């Protein structure tokens, strides 16, 4: 687990109870999604990062459950909750 991940992006140091500890793979998925202005599809995340389909699915499901990202009609995007969590951690 990466101790410095408080939210999907940007990465900040976080010690509070609202922080989500991300694995390196989860952080890479987050940064891939946050690096795009448009929703990112499942297949493009999987292809870009080279993860197995089940691994990608599990990571996305966890990040959606924790409201770090949202699933939209066109793919996955950064969650509004993510921005609020970042503000709370400052």
Protein backbone atom coordinates (compact mmCIF):
# COMPACT_ATOMS: atom_id res chain seq x y z
CA UNK A 1 0.00 0.00 0.00
CA UNK A 2 1.16 3.50 -0.77
CA UNK A 3 1.04 5.63 2.37
CA UNK A 4 0.94 8.97 0.55
CA UNK A 5 -2.28 8.52 -1.40
CA UNK A 6 -5.14 10.52 0.03
CA UNK A 7 -7.25 10.76 -3.05
CA UNK A 8 -7.21 10.01 -6.71
CA UNK A 9 -5.41 13.15 -7.78
CA UNK A 10 -3.44 15.08 -6.96
CA UNK A 11 -1.38 13.00 -4.56
CA UNK A 12 -0.98 14.54 -1.13
CA UNK A 13 0.33 13.34 2.22
CA UNK A 14 -2.58 12.13 4.28
CA UNK A 15 -2.89 10.85 7.83
CA UNK A 16 -6.56 11.56 8.58
CA UNK A 17 -9.46 9.14 8.91
CA UNK A 18 -10.97 10.27 5.59
CA UNK A 19 -7.96 9.09 3.60
CA UNK A 20 -8.09 6.09 1.32
CA UNK A 21 -4.86 4.11 1.13
CA UNK A 22 -4.26 3.12 -2.49
CA UNK A 23 -2.09 0.35 -3.86
CA UNK A 24 0.36 1.27 -6.60
CA UNK A 25 -1.99 -0.19 -9.21
CA UNK A 26 -4.98 1.73 -7.85
CA UNK A 27 -2.96 4.94 -7.93
CA UNK A 28 -2.00 4.29 -11.56
CA UNK A 29 -5.64 3.75 -12.52
CA UNK A 30 -6.60 6.96 -10.73
CA UNK A 31 -3.89 8.96 -12.43
CA UNK A 32 -4.93 7.55 -15.81
CA UNK A 33 -8.53 8.66 -15.23
CA UNK A 34 -7.58 12.01 -13.71
CA UNK A 35 -5.20 12.73 -16.56
CA UNK A 36 -8.06 12.86 -19.04
CA UNK A 37 -10.63 15.58 -19.59
CA UNK A 38 -13.05 13.02 -21.02
CA UNK A 39 -14.37 9.80 -19.44
CA UNK A 40 -11.93 6.91 -19.88
CA UNK A 41 -13.23 3.52 -21.03
CA UNK A 42 -12.50 0.25 -19.28
CA UNK A 43 -10.65 -1.12 -22.30
CA UNK A 44 -8.45 1.97 -22.67
CA UNK A 45 -7.45 1.80 -18.97
CA UNK A 46 -6.69 -1.90 -19.31
CA UNK A 47 -4.71 -1.43 -22.52
CA UNK A 48 -2.71 1.56 -21.29
CA UNK A 49 -1.71 -0.06 -18.01
CA UNK A 50 -1.47 -3.66 -19.23
CA UNK A 51 -3.53 -5.09 -16.37
CA UNK A 52 -5.55 -8.27 -16.61
CA UNK A 53 -9.30 -7.76 -17.10
CA UNK A 54 -10.16 -9.07 -13.62
CA UNK A 55 -7.55 -6.88 -11.92
CA UNK A 56 -8.77 -3.78 -13.76
CA UNK A 57 -12.39 -4.58 -12.92
CA UNK A 58 -11.62 -5.11 -9.22
CA UNK A 59 -9.67 -1.85 -8.97
CA UNK A 60 -12.38 0.17 -10.72
CA UNK A 61 -15.10 -1.37 -8.56
CA UNK A 62 -13.20 -0.48 -5.37
CA UNK A 63 -12.54 3.08 -6.50
CA UNK A 64 -16.20 3.57 -7.46
CA UNK A 65 -17.33 2.10 -4.12
CA UNK A 66 -15.11 4.57 -2.27
CA UNK A 67 -16.35 7.38 -4.54
CA UNK A 68 -12.89 8.26 -5.83
CA UNK A 69 -14.13 7.86 -9.40
CA UNK A 70 -17.55 7.72 -11.06
CA UNK A 71 -18.81 5.48 -13.80
CA UNK A 72 -20.50 7.54 -16.47
CA UNK A 73 -22.09 6.66 -19.79
CA UNK A 74 -18.79 7.20 -21.64
CA UNK A 75 -16.49 5.52 -19.12
CA UNK A 76 -14.87 6.45 -15.82
CA UNK A 77 -14.11 9.96 -14.56
CA UNK A 78 -12.91 11.71 -11.44
CA UNK A 79 -15.53 11.98 -8.73
CA UNK A 80 -16.80 15.25 -7.29
CA UNK A 81 -16.35 13.60 -3.86
CA UNK A 82 -12.66 13.32 -4.65
CA UNK A 83 -12.34 17.11 -4.80
CA UNK A 84 -14.16 17.48 -1.48
CA UNK A 85 -11.90 14.92 0.17
CA UNK A 86 -8.84 16.79 -1.09
CA UNK A 87 -10.12 20.06 0.40
CA UNK A 88 -10.78 18.37 3.73
CA UNK A 89 -7.24 16.95 3.88
CA UNK A 90 -5.53 20.36 3.61
